[in-house]
Amino acid sequence: MDKTISDTTRRGFLKTLAVGAGGYALGSVLIQPTAAMGQSLQENLGKVPLEARWAISSNGLVNYQLGNFKALLDTVGREKFIETVNKNSFFLGTQSAGLAKKFGFTGNDAKSFAAMSTAMVTVYYGPQQEYTIEELSPEKVTVKCVNCSFWNAVQTRKITDDLCSTNSQAWWSGFAQAINPKLTSTLVKARPLGDSVCEWAIELKA
């Protein structure tokens, strides 16, 4: 008799039992995947509030951007860093303006721009972002960032290099130009330059 097929020894019996148990377990997974493998993707995601998902995702983006900026600065030096970030961030600002319009943001004056730009940065950087907007006139607005996810990440990592003022100037300028060529956005204060807040002067030229 072929012993590999019908083994009546204790070892053969245990081997057959183990194979049978494995087959039963696999069958259970296939027949009742939720019970066998735990809750579904949708059920697990349902336990994470939308704002928590937003905060986690934006934190990942902030730290990724921070790491890239630091690596770029260390690799190419300050002059090339400024040139590269100016070009890329201005372009991303124009792209963000297009995205804002797709979301339904409207307006092309200084006040509208202030509301749109701060909303878009908050979309990227998360619910921790805080701004104050002061309307000086219909053509002039001052925007202050009083709590910034990027700056907080810089402080956490104890980085002393200025990684954000160039990006802030270029991105906001690109956004402004895409909304209305007569709009200008100028970074007049920046935390990495020693100021207590970052501040932009928004102006609609005649």
N, C-alpha and C. Protein backbone atom coordinates (compact mmCIF):
# COMPACT_ATOMS: atom_id res chain seq x y z
N MET A 1 0.85 -1.20 0.00
CA MET A 1 0.00 0.00 0.00
C MET A 1 0.89 1.24 0.00
N ASP A 2 0.45 2.29 -0.74
CA ASP A 2 1.22 3.53 -0.81
C ASP A 2 1.05 4.30 0.48
N LYS A 3 2.15 4.37 1.23
CA LYS A 3 2.09 4.98 2.57
C LYS A 3 1.85 6.49 2.50
N THR A 4 2.23 7.13 1.40
CA THR A 4 2.05 8.57 1.29
C THR A 4 0.57 8.95 1.14
N ILE A 5 -0.26 7.95 0.79
CA ILE A 5 -1.69 8.23 0.63
C ILE A 5 -2.48 7.79 1.86
N SER A 6 -2.20 6.61 2.36
CA SER A 6 -2.95 6.07 3.50
C SER A 6 -1.97 5.66 4.57
N ASP A 7 -1.67 6.56 5.48
CA ASP A 7 -0.72 6.27 6.56
C ASP A 7 -1.53 6.12 7.85
N THR A 8 -1.57 4.94 8.42
CA THR A 8 -2.36 4.69 9.63
C THR A 8 -1.57 4.91 10.90
N THR A 9 -0.32 5.40 10.76
CA THR A 9 0.48 5.65 11.95
C THR A 9 0.02 6.93 12.62
N ARG A 10 0.48 7.13 13.88
CA ARG A 10 0.12 8.36 14.60
C ARG A 10 0.59 9.58 13.86
N ARG A 11 1.80 9.51 13.30
CA ARG A 11 2.34 10.66 12.56
C ARG A 11 1.48 10.98 11.35
N GLY A 12 1.09 9.94 10.65
CA GLY A 12 0.25 10.14 9.47
C GLY A 12 -1.11 10.71 9.85
N PHE A 13 -1.64 10.24 10.95
CA PHE A 13 -2.95 10.73 11.41
C PHE A 13 -2.88 12.22 11.74
N LEU A 14 -1.81 12.62 12.46
CA LEU A 14 -1.66 14.02 12.86
C LEU A 14 -1.46 14.91 11.64
N LYS A 15 -0.71 14.40 10.68
CA LYS A 15 -0.48 15.17 9.46
C LYS A 15 -1.79 15.40 8.71
N THR A 16 -2.58 14.33 8.61
CA THR A 16 -3.87 14.43 7.94
C THR A 16 -4.79 15.40 8.67
N LEU A 17 -4.75 15.36 10.00
CA LEU A 17 -5.57 16.25 10.82
C LEU A 17 -5.18 17.71 10.60
N ALA A 18 -3.88 17.95 10.53
CA ALA A 18 -3.38 19.31 10.34
C ALA A 18 -3.81 19.86 8.99
N VAL A 19 -3.68 19.03 7.96
CA VAL A 19 -4.09 19.46 6.62
C VAL A 19 -5.58 19.76 6.59
N GLY A 20 -6.35 18.90 7.24
CA GLY A 20 -7.80 19.11 7.27
C GLY A 20 -8.18 20.39 8.00
N ALA A 21 -7.50 20.65 9.11
CA ALA A 21 -7.77 21.87 9.88
C ALA A 21 -7.43 23.11 9.06
N GLY A 22 -6.30 23.02 8.32
CA GLY A 22 -5.91 24.15 7.48
C GLY A 22 -6.94 24.42 6.40
N GLY A 23 -7.43 23.35 5.81
CA GLY A 23 -8.45 23.51 4.78
C GLY A 23 -9.73 24.10 5.33
N TYR A 24 -10.10 23.72 6.54
CA TYR A 24 -11.31 24.26 7.17
C TYR A 24 -11.15 25.76 7.43
N ALA A 25 -9.96 26.15 7.92
CA ALA A 25 -9.71 27.55 8.23
C ALA A 25 -9.77 28.39 6.96
N LEU A 26 -9.14 27.88 5.88
CA LEU A 26 -9.17 28.61 4.62
C LEU A 26 -10.59 28.74 4.10
N GLY A 27 -11.36 27.65 4.24
CA GLY A 27 -12.75 27.70 3.80
C GLY A 27 -13.54 28.73 4.57
N SER A 28 -13.27 28.86 5.85
CA SER A 28 -13.97 29.84 6.67
C SER A 28 -13.68 31.26 6.21
N VAL A 29 -12.41 31.51 5.84
CA VAL A 29 -12.03 32.83 5.36
C VAL A 29 -12.75 33.16 4.06
N LEU A 30 -12.82 32.17 3.17
CA LEU A 30 -13.45 32.40 1.88
C LEU A 30 -14.96 32.56 2.00
N ILE A 31 -15.57 31.79 2.91
CA ILE A 31 -17.02 31.83 3.05
C ILE A 31 -17.47 33.03 3.86
N GLN A 32 -16.74 33.36 4.95
CA GLN A 32 -17.12 34.47 5.83
C GLN A 32 -15.92 35.38 6.05
N PRO A 33 -15.49 36.15 5.01
CA PRO A 33 -14.29 36.98 5.12
C PRO A 33 -14.36 38.03 6.22
N THR A 34 -15.53 38.63 6.43
CA THR A 34 -15.63 39.67 7.45
C THR A 34 -15.42 39.09 8.84
N ALA A 35 -16.05 37.97 9.12
CA ALA A 35 -15.92 37.34 10.43
C ALA A 35 -14.51 36.81 10.63
N ALA A 36 -13.90 36.30 9.56
CA ALA A 36 -12.59 35.67 9.70
C ALA A 36 -11.47 36.69 9.74
N MET A 37 -11.58 37.80 9.02
CA MET A 37 -10.47 38.73 8.88
C MET A 37 -10.69 40.04 9.62
N GLY A 38 -11.77 40.20 10.29
CA GLY A 38 -12.03 41.44 11.00
C GLY A 38 -12.93 42.35 10.19
N GLN A 39 -13.01 43.62 10.61
CA GLN A 39 -13.92 44.54 9.96
C GLN A 39 -13.42 44.97 8.59
N SER A 40 -14.32 45.45 7.76
CA SER A 40 -13.97 45.86 6.41
C SER A 40 -13.26 47.21 6.40
N LEU A 41 -12.70 47.54 5.25
CA LEU A 41 -12.05 48.84 5.06
C LEU A 41 -13.01 49.97 5.38
N GLN A 42 -14.23 49.88 4.86
CA GLN A 42 -15.20 50.94 5.07
C GLN A 42 -15.56 51.09 6.55
N GLU A 43 -15.68 49.97 7.25
CA GLU A 43 -16.02 50.02 8.68
C GLU A 43 -14.90 50.67 9.48
N ASN A 44 -13.66 50.31 9.15
CA ASN A 44 -12.53 50.91 9.86
C ASN A 44 -12.40 52.40 9.56
N LEU A 45 -12.55 52.77 8.28
CA LEU A 45 -12.48 54.19 7.93
C LEU A 45 -13.59 54.99 8.61
N GLY A 46 -14.74 54.35 8.77
CA GLY A 46 -15.86 55.02 9.41
C GLY A 46 -15.57 55.42 10.85
N LYS A 47 -14.57 54.77 11.46
CA LYS A 47 -14.21 55.09 12.84
C LYS A 47 -13.27 56.30 12.93
N VAL A 48 -12.74 56.73 11.77
CA VAL A 48 -11.80 57.86 11.76
C VAL A 48 -12.55 59.10 11.26
N PRO A 49 -12.77 60.10 12.09
CA PRO A 49 -13.51 61.30 11.67
C PRO A 49 -12.82 61.96 10.48
N LEU A 50 -13.60 62.63 9.63
CA LEU A 50 -13.04 63.26 8.44
C LEU A 50 -11.97 64.29 8.79
N GLU A 51 -12.19 65.04 9.87
CA GLU A 51 -11.18 66.05 10.24
C GLU A 51 -9.88 65.39 10.67
N ALA A 52 -9.96 64.22 11.31
CA ALA A 52 -8.75 63.50 11.69
C ALA A 52 -8.02 62.99 10.45
N ARG A 53 -8.74 62.50 9.47
CA ARG A 53 -8.12 62.06 8.22
C ARG A 53 -7.40 63.23 7.54
N TRP A 54 -8.09 64.38 7.53
CA TRP A 54 -7.53 65.60 6.93
C TRP A 54 -6.24 66.01 7.65
N ALA A 55 -6.28 66.00 8.97
CA ALA A 55 -5.11 66.40 9.76
C ALA A 55 -3.93 65.46 9.51
N ILE A 56 -4.20 64.17 9.45
CA ILE A 56 -3.13 63.19 9.23
C ILE A 56 -2.53 63.35 7.84
N SER A 57 -3.38 63.48 6.84
CA SER A 57 -2.90 63.63 5.46
C SER A 57 -2.11 64.91 5.28
N SER A 58 -2.62 66.01 5.81
CA SER A 58 -1.92 67.29 5.67
C SER A 58 -0.59 67.28 6.41
N ASN A 59 -0.54 66.62 7.55
CA ASN A 59 0.71 66.52 8.29
C ASN A 59 1.76 65.77 7.46
N GLY A 60 1.31 64.73 6.75
CA GLY A 60 2.23 64.01 5.87
C GLY A 60 2.75 64.90 4.77
N LEU A 61 1.87 65.71 4.16
CA LEU A 61 2.28 66.62 3.10
C LEU A 61 3.27 67.66 3.62
N VAL A 62 2.98 68.23 4.77
CA VAL A 62 3.85 69.26 5.35
C VAL A 62 5.26 68.70 5.59
N ASN A 63 5.34 67.54 6.20
CA ASN A 63 6.64 66.96 6.50
C ASN A 63 7.38 66.50 5.25
N TYR A 64 6.63 66.07 4.24
CA TYR A 64 7.25 65.70 2.96
C TYR A 64 7.84 66.93 2.29
N GLN A 65 7.07 68.03 2.26
CA GLN A 65 7.53 69.27 1.66
C GLN A 65 8.75 69.81 2.43
N LEU A 66 8.66 69.77 3.74
CA LEU A 66 9.76 70.25 4.57
C LEU A 66 11.03 69.46 4.30
N GLY A 67 10.92 68.14 4.23
CA GLY A 67 12.08 67.30 3.94
C GLY A 67 12.68 67.59 2.58
N ASN A 68 11.82 67.81 1.58
CA ASN A 68 12.31 68.12 0.24
C ASN A 68 13.02 69.46 0.19
N PHE A 69 12.45 70.48 0.85
CA PHE A 69 13.07 71.79 0.86
C PHE A 69 14.44 71.75 1.56
N LYS A 70 14.51 71.05 2.67
CA LYS A 70 15.77 70.96 3.41
C LYS A 70 16.83 70.23 2.59
N ALA A 71 16.43 69.14 1.94
CA ALA A 71 17.38 68.38 1.12
C ALA A 71 17.86 69.21 -0.06
N LEU A 72 16.93 69.97 -0.68
CA LEU A 72 17.31 70.82 -1.81
C LEU A 72 18.29 71.90 -1.38
N LEU A 73 18.00 72.57 -0.28
CA LEU A 73 18.88 73.63 0.21
C LEU A 73 20.27 73.08 0.52
N ASP A 74 20.33 71.95 1.19
CA ASP A 74 21.62 71.36 1.57
C ASP A 74 22.41 70.89 0.35
N THR A 75 21.69 70.55 -0.73
CA THR A 75 22.35 70.02 -1.92
C THR A 75 22.84 71.10 -2.87
N VAL A 76 22.00 72.11 -3.11
CA VAL A 76 22.35 73.09 -4.15
C VAL A 76 22.74 74.46 -3.61
N GLY A 77 22.53 74.72 -2.33
CA GLY A 77 22.88 76.02 -1.77
C GLY A 77 21.73 77.02 -1.86
N ARG A 78 21.88 78.15 -1.15
CA ARG A 78 20.80 79.12 -1.01
C ARG A 78 20.38 79.74 -2.34
N GLU A 79 21.32 80.16 -3.16
CA GLU A 79 20.98 80.86 -4.40
C GLU A 79 20.15 79.98 -5.34
N LYS A 80 20.59 78.75 -5.56
CA LYS A 80 19.87 77.83 -6.44
C LYS A 80 18.55 77.40 -5.81
N PHE A 81 18.54 77.29 -4.50
CA PHE A 81 17.31 76.94 -3.78
C PHE A 81 16.23 77.99 -4.05
N ILE A 82 16.59 79.26 -3.90
CA ILE A 82 15.64 80.35 -4.12
C ILE A 82 15.14 80.34 -5.56
N GLU A 83 16.04 80.15 -6.51
CA GLU A 83 15.67 80.12 -7.93
C GLU A 83 14.68 78.98 -8.21
N THR A 84 14.97 77.80 -7.69
CA THR A 84 14.13 76.63 -7.94
C THR A 84 12.77 76.75 -7.27
N VAL A 85 12.77 77.16 -6.01
CA VAL A 85 11.51 77.27 -5.27
C VAL A 85 10.64 78.39 -5.84
N ASN A 86 11.25 79.48 -6.23
CA ASN A 86 10.49 80.58 -6.85
C ASN A 86 9.73 80.08 -8.07
N LYS A 87 10.41 79.36 -8.92
CA LYS A 87 9.81 78.86 -10.16
C LYS A 87 8.70 77.84 -9.88
N ASN A 88 9.02 76.85 -9.06
CA ASN A 88 8.07 75.77 -8.79
C ASN A 88 6.86 76.24 -7.99
N SER A 89 7.09 77.05 -6.97
CA SER A 89 5.99 77.48 -6.11
C SER A 89 5.07 78.47 -6.81
N PHE A 90 5.62 79.30 -7.66
CA PHE A 90 4.77 80.22 -8.44
C PHE A 90 3.84 79.40 -9.33
N PHE A 91 4.39 78.39 -9.99
CA PHE A 91 3.58 77.52 -10.84
C PHE A 91 2.49 76.82 -10.02
N LEU A 92 2.86 76.28 -8.86
CA LEU A 92 1.89 75.59 -8.01
C LEU A 92 0.80 76.55 -7.51
N GLY A 93 1.16 77.81 -7.32
CA GLY A 93 0.16 78.81 -6.93
C GLY A 93 -0.87 79.01 -8.02
N THR A 94 -0.42 79.06 -9.27
CA THR A 94 -1.36 79.21 -10.38
C THR A 94 -2.26 77.98 -10.49
N GLN A 95 -1.68 76.81 -10.29
CA GLN A 95 -2.46 75.58 -10.34
C GLN A 95 -3.49 75.53 -9.21
N SER A 96 -3.12 76.01 -8.06
CA SER A 96 -4.04 76.03 -6.91
C SER A 96 -5.21 76.97 -7.15
N ALA A 97 -4.96 78.05 -7.88
CA ALA A 97 -6.05 78.97 -8.21
C ALA A 97 -7.07 78.27 -9.11
N GLY A 98 -6.59 77.46 -10.04
CA GLY A 98 -7.49 76.70 -10.89
C GLY A 98 -8.31 75.70 -10.09
N LEU A 99 -7.66 75.08 -9.11
CA LEU A 99 -8.36 74.13 -8.25
C LEU A 99 -9.41 74.84 -7.41
N ALA A 100 -9.08 76.03 -6.93
CA ALA A 100 -10.03 76.81 -6.13
C ALA A 100 -11.29 77.12 -6.94
N LYS A 101 -11.10 77.45 -8.21
CA LYS A 101 -12.25 77.74 -9.07
C LYS A 101 -13.11 76.49 -9.27
N LYS A 102 -12.46 75.34 -9.37
CA LYS A 102 -13.21 74.09 -9.52
C LYS A 102 -14.03 73.79 -8.27
N PHE A 103 -13.52 74.21 -7.12
CA PHE A 103 -14.26 74.03 -5.87
C PHE A 103 -15.43 74.99 -5.76
N GLY A 104 -15.44 76.01 -6.62
CA GLY A 104 -16.53 76.98 -6.58
C GLY A 104 -16.17 78.29 -5.90
N PHE A 105 -14.88 78.52 -5.60
CA PHE A 105 -14.46 79.79 -5.02
C PHE A 105 -14.64 80.87 -6.09
N THR A 106 -15.14 82.03 -5.68
CA THR A 106 -15.39 83.11 -6.64
C THR A 106 -14.81 84.43 -6.15
N GLY A 107 -14.67 85.37 -7.10
CA GLY A 107 -14.20 86.71 -6.78
C GLY A 107 -12.84 86.97 -7.40
N ASN A 108 -12.53 88.25 -7.63
CA ASN A 108 -11.23 88.60 -8.20
C ASN A 108 -10.67 89.89 -7.62
N ASP A 109 -11.23 90.33 -6.47
CA ASP A 109 -10.69 91.51 -5.82
C ASP A 109 -9.80 91.09 -4.65
N ALA A 110 -9.27 92.06 -3.92
CA ALA A 110 -8.32 91.77 -2.85
C ALA A 110 -8.96 90.96 -1.72
N LYS A 111 -10.16 91.34 -1.34
CA LYS A 111 -10.85 90.64 -0.25
C LYS A 111 -11.15 89.19 -0.63
N SER A 112 -11.64 88.98 -1.84
CA SER A 112 -11.94 87.63 -2.31
C SER A 112 -10.67 86.79 -2.38
N PHE A 113 -9.60 87.39 -2.88
CA PHE A 113 -8.34 86.68 -2.97
C PHE A 113 -7.86 86.22 -1.59
N ALA A 114 -7.98 87.10 -0.61
CA ALA A 114 -7.54 86.75 0.75
C ALA A 114 -8.31 85.54 1.27
N ALA A 115 -9.62 85.53 1.04
CA ALA A 115 -10.44 84.41 1.50
C ALA A 115 -10.12 83.12 0.75
N MET A 116 -9.87 83.23 -0.55
CA MET A 116 -9.58 82.05 -1.36
C MET A 116 -8.21 81.47 -1.05
N SER A 117 -7.21 82.30 -0.97
CA SER A 117 -5.84 81.82 -0.76
C SER A 117 -5.68 81.17 0.61
N THR A 118 -6.24 81.79 1.63
CA THR A 118 -6.13 81.20 2.96
C THR A 118 -6.88 79.88 3.05
N ALA A 119 -8.00 79.80 2.35
CA ALA A 119 -8.75 78.54 2.35
C ALA A 119 -7.96 77.43 1.67
N MET A 120 -7.30 77.75 0.54
CA MET A 120 -6.55 76.73 -0.18
C MET A 120 -5.32 76.27 0.60
N VAL A 121 -4.63 77.19 1.26
CA VAL A 121 -3.48 76.78 2.08
C VAL A 121 -3.96 75.88 3.21
N THR A 122 -5.12 76.20 3.77
CA THR A 122 -5.67 75.37 4.84
C THR A 122 -6.04 73.98 4.33
N VAL A 123 -6.53 73.90 3.09
CA VAL A 123 -6.81 72.59 2.49
C VAL A 123 -5.54 71.75 2.48
N TYR A 124 -4.42 72.36 2.09
CA TYR A 124 -3.15 71.64 2.00
C TYR A 124 -2.52 71.37 3.36
N TYR A 125 -2.50 72.38 4.22
CA TYR A 125 -1.74 72.30 5.47
C TYR A 125 -2.56 71.84 6.66
N GLY A 126 -3.88 71.76 6.51
CA GLY A 126 -4.69 71.17 7.56
C GLY A 126 -5.43 72.15 8.45
N PRO A 127 -6.28 71.60 9.31
CA PRO A 127 -7.15 72.42 10.15
C PRO A 127 -6.41 73.23 11.21
N GLN A 128 -5.11 72.98 11.39
CA GLN A 128 -4.35 73.75 12.38
C GLN A 128 -4.07 75.18 11.91
N GLN A 129 -4.17 75.42 10.59
CA GLN A 129 -3.88 76.76 10.05
C GLN A 129 -4.85 77.80 10.61
N GLU A 130 -4.30 78.96 10.99
CA GLU A 130 -5.14 80.05 11.49
C GLU A 130 -4.69 81.37 10.87
N TYR A 131 -5.66 82.15 10.41
CA TYR A 131 -5.36 83.43 9.78
C TYR A 131 -6.25 84.54 10.34
N THR A 132 -5.75 85.75 10.23
CA THR A 132 -6.59 86.92 10.43
C THR A 132 -6.54 87.73 9.13
N ILE A 133 -7.68 88.28 8.74
CA ILE A 133 -7.76 89.07 7.50
C ILE A 133 -8.29 90.45 7.86
N GLU A 134 -7.51 91.47 7.52
CA GLU A 134 -7.90 92.85 7.81
C GLU A 134 -8.11 93.61 6.50
N GLU A 135 -9.33 94.04 6.29
CA GLU A 135 -9.64 94.78 5.06
C GLU A 135 -9.38 96.26 5.31
N LEU A 136 -8.35 96.78 4.64
CA LEU A 136 -8.01 98.19 4.80
C LEU A 136 -8.85 99.06 3.87
N SER A 137 -9.16 98.52 2.70
CA SER A 137 -10.04 99.16 1.72
C SER A 137 -10.43 98.08 0.73
N PRO A 138 -11.37 98.37 -0.17
CA PRO A 138 -11.74 97.34 -1.14
C PRO A 138 -10.56 96.85 -1.98
N GLU A 139 -9.52 97.69 -2.10
CA GLU A 139 -8.37 97.33 -2.93
C GLU A 139 -7.19 96.82 -2.13
N LYS A 140 -7.23 96.95 -0.81
CA LYS A 140 -6.08 96.56 0.00
C LYS A 140 -6.51 95.71 1.19
N VAL A 141 -5.82 94.59 1.38
CA VAL A 141 -6.11 93.67 2.48
C VAL A 141 -4.80 93.18 3.07
N THR A 142 -4.79 92.99 4.38
CA THR A 142 -3.64 92.40 5.05
C THR A 142 -4.03 91.03 5.60
N VAL A 143 -3.21 90.04 5.30
CA VAL A 143 -3.44 88.67 5.79
C VAL A 143 -2.30 88.29 6.72
N LYS A 144 -2.65 87.78 7.90
CA LYS A 144 -1.64 87.31 8.84
C LYS A 144 -1.88 85.84 9.16
N CYS A 145 -0.82 85.07 9.10
CA CYS A 145 -0.90 83.66 9.52
C CYS A 145 -0.42 83.59 10.97
N VAL A 146 -1.32 83.25 11.87
CA VAL A 146 -0.99 83.25 13.29
C VAL A 146 -0.68 81.83 13.82
N ASN A 147 -1.00 80.83 13.03
CA ASN A 147 -0.61 79.46 13.39
C ASN A 147 -0.39 78.69 12.10
N CYS A 148 0.82 78.14 11.94
CA CYS A 148 1.19 77.52 10.66
C CYS A 148 1.75 76.12 10.89
N SER A 149 1.18 75.15 10.20
CA SER A 149 1.63 73.76 10.32
C SER A 149 3.07 73.60 9.87
N PHE A 150 3.44 74.29 8.79
CA PHE A 150 4.81 74.16 8.28
C PHE A 150 5.81 74.72 9.29
N TRP A 151 5.52 75.91 9.82
CA TRP A 151 6.43 76.51 10.78
C TRP A 151 6.52 75.67 12.05
N ASN A 152 5.41 75.10 12.46
CA ASN A 152 5.43 74.23 13.65
C ASN A 152 6.31 73.00 13.42
N ALA A 153 6.25 72.46 12.19
CA ALA A 153 7.09 71.30 11.86
C ALA A 153 8.57 71.68 11.84
N VAL A 154 8.87 72.89 11.35
CA VAL A 154 10.25 73.39 11.34
C VAL A 154 10.77 73.48 12.77
N GLN A 155 9.94 74.01 13.67
CA GLN A 155 10.34 74.14 15.07
C GLN A 155 10.53 72.77 15.72
N THR A 156 9.65 71.84 15.42
CA THR A 156 9.75 70.50 16.00
C THR A 156 11.06 69.83 15.61
N ARG A 157 11.46 70.04 14.37
CA ARG A 157 12.71 69.43 13.88
C ARG A 157 13.95 70.25 14.22
N LYS A 158 13.71 71.42 14.84
CA LYS A 158 14.81 72.30 15.24
C LYS A 158 15.67 72.73 14.04
N ILE A 159 14.99 73.05 12.94
CA ILE A 159 15.68 73.53 11.74
C ILE A 159 15.77 75.05 11.80
N THR A 160 16.94 75.58 11.59
CA THR A 160 17.15 77.03 11.67
C THR A 160 17.19 77.70 10.30
N ASP A 161 17.28 76.92 9.23
CA ASP A 161 17.30 77.48 7.88
C ASP A 161 15.94 78.08 7.52
N ASP A 162 15.96 79.11 6.69
CA ASP A 162 14.73 79.69 6.17
C ASP A 162 14.27 78.84 4.98
N LEU A 163 13.26 78.01 5.21
CA LEU A 163 12.77 77.11 4.17
C LEU A 163 11.44 77.56 3.58
N CYS A 164 10.82 78.59 4.17
CA CYS A 164 9.44 78.88 3.75
C CYS A 164 9.17 80.27 3.21
N SER A 165 10.02 81.27 3.47
CA SER A 165 9.65 82.62 3.02
C SER A 165 9.63 82.73 1.49
N THR A 166 10.58 82.07 0.82
CA THR A 166 10.58 82.09 -0.64
C THR A 166 9.36 81.40 -1.20
N ASN A 167 9.03 80.25 -0.63
CA ASN A 167 7.85 79.51 -1.06
C ASN A 167 6.58 80.32 -0.83
N SER A 168 6.48 80.97 0.32
CA SER A 168 5.29 81.74 0.65
C SER A 168 5.09 82.91 -0.31
N GLN A 169 6.18 83.62 -0.62
CA GLN A 169 6.07 84.73 -1.56
C GLN A 169 5.67 84.25 -2.95
N ALA A 170 6.32 83.21 -3.43
CA ALA A 170 6.09 82.76 -4.81
C ALA A 170 4.71 82.12 -4.99
N TRP A 171 4.30 81.28 -4.05
CA TRP A 171 3.01 80.60 -4.18
C TRP A 171 1.87 81.61 -4.18
N TRP A 172 1.89 82.52 -3.23
CA TRP A 172 0.83 83.52 -3.13
C TRP A 172 0.82 84.43 -4.36
N SER A 173 1.99 84.76 -4.88
CA SER A 173 2.05 85.60 -6.08
C SER A 173 1.47 84.87 -7.29
N GLY A 174 1.80 83.59 -7.42
CA GLY A 174 1.25 82.81 -8.52
C GLY A 174 -0.26 82.70 -8.42
N PHE A 175 -0.76 82.49 -7.22
CA PHE A 175 -2.20 82.39 -6.99
C PHE A 175 -2.87 83.71 -7.37
N ALA A 176 -2.29 84.82 -6.94
CA ALA A 176 -2.87 86.14 -7.20
C ALA A 176 -2.92 86.42 -8.70
N GLN A 177 -1.83 86.16 -9.40
CA GLN A 177 -1.78 86.43 -10.84
C GLN A 177 -2.81 85.61 -11.60
N ALA A 178 -3.04 84.37 -11.15
CA ALA A 178 -4.00 83.50 -11.83
C ALA A 178 -5.44 83.94 -11.56
N ILE A 179 -5.69 84.53 -10.41
CA ILE A 179 -7.03 85.01 -10.09
C ILE A 179 -7.33 86.31 -10.82
N ASN A 180 -6.35 87.22 -10.81
CA ASN A 180 -6.53 88.52 -11.46
C ASN A 180 -5.14 89.13 -11.68
N PRO A 181 -4.73 89.34 -12.93
CA PRO A 181 -3.40 89.91 -13.20
C PRO A 181 -3.13 91.25 -12.52
N LYS A 182 -4.21 91.93 -12.09
CA LYS A 182 -4.02 93.22 -11.41
C LYS A 182 -3.79 93.05 -9.91
N LEU A 183 -3.90 91.83 -9.41
CA LEU A 183 -3.67 91.57 -7.99
C LEU A 183 -2.18 91.34 -7.71
N THR A 184 -1.71 91.87 -6.60
CA THR A 184 -0.35 91.60 -6.15
C THR A 184 -0.39 91.10 -4.71
N SER A 185 0.53 90.21 -4.39
CA SER A 185 0.65 89.69 -3.03
C SER A 185 2.11 89.78 -2.63
N THR A 186 2.37 90.50 -1.55
CA THR A 186 3.75 90.71 -1.11
C THR A 186 3.93 90.24 0.33
N LEU A 187 4.88 89.36 0.54
CA LEU A 187 5.20 88.89 1.89
C LEU A 187 6.00 89.98 2.60
N VAL A 188 5.41 90.58 3.63
CA VAL A 188 6.07 91.70 4.31
C VAL A 188 6.65 91.30 5.67
N LYS A 189 6.17 90.19 6.22
CA LYS A 189 6.71 89.67 7.47
C LYS A 189 6.79 88.15 7.37
N ALA A 190 7.81 87.56 8.02
CA ALA A 190 7.96 86.11 7.97
C ALA A 190 8.64 85.61 9.24
N ARG A 191 8.12 84.54 9.79
CA ARG A 191 8.68 84.00 11.03
C ARG A 191 10.15 83.63 10.90
N PRO A 192 10.58 82.98 9.81
CA PRO A 192 12.01 82.63 9.74
C PRO A 192 12.94 83.84 9.65
N LEU A 193 12.35 85.01 9.39
CA LEU A 193 13.14 86.24 9.35
C LEU A 193 13.09 86.99 10.67
N GLY A 194 12.45 86.37 11.68
CA GLY A 194 12.43 86.95 13.02
C GLY A 194 11.11 87.60 13.42
N ASP A 195 10.13 87.60 12.54
CA ASP A 195 8.84 88.20 12.86
C ASP A 195 7.97 87.22 13.65
N SER A 196 6.96 87.76 14.35
CA SER A 196 6.10 86.91 15.18
C SER A 196 5.02 86.22 14.37
N VAL A 197 4.73 86.75 13.17
CA VAL A 197 3.74 86.15 12.27
C VAL A 197 4.27 86.26 10.84
N CYS A 198 3.62 85.55 9.93
CA CYS A 198 3.84 85.78 8.51
C CYS A 198 2.70 86.67 8.03
N GLU A 199 3.03 87.66 7.22
CA GLU A 199 2.02 88.65 6.82
C GLU A 199 2.18 88.99 5.34
N TRP A 200 1.05 89.05 4.65
CA TRP A 200 1.02 89.40 3.24
C TRP A 200 0.22 90.67 3.03
N ALA A 201 0.70 91.55 2.18
CA ALA A 201 -0.05 92.74 1.77
C ALA A 201 -0.64 92.45 0.41
N ILE A 202 -1.96 92.44 0.32
CA ILE A 202 -2.67 92.15 -0.91
C ILE A 202 -3.22 93.46 -1.48
N GLU A 203 -2.96 93.68 -2.75
CA GLU A 203 -3.40 94.95 -3.35
C GLU A 203 -3.93 94.72 -4.76
N LEU A 204 -5.04 95.37 -5.07
CA LEU A 204 -5.60 95.36 -6.42
C LEU A 204 -5.21 96.66 -7.09
N LYS A 205 -4.35 96.55 -8.11
CA LYS A 205 -3.87 97.73 -8.81
C LYS A 205 -4.95 98.29 -9.72
N ALA A 206 -4.90 99.58 -9.91
CA ALA A 206 -5.89 100.24 -10.77
C ALA A 206 -5.64 99.89 -12.24
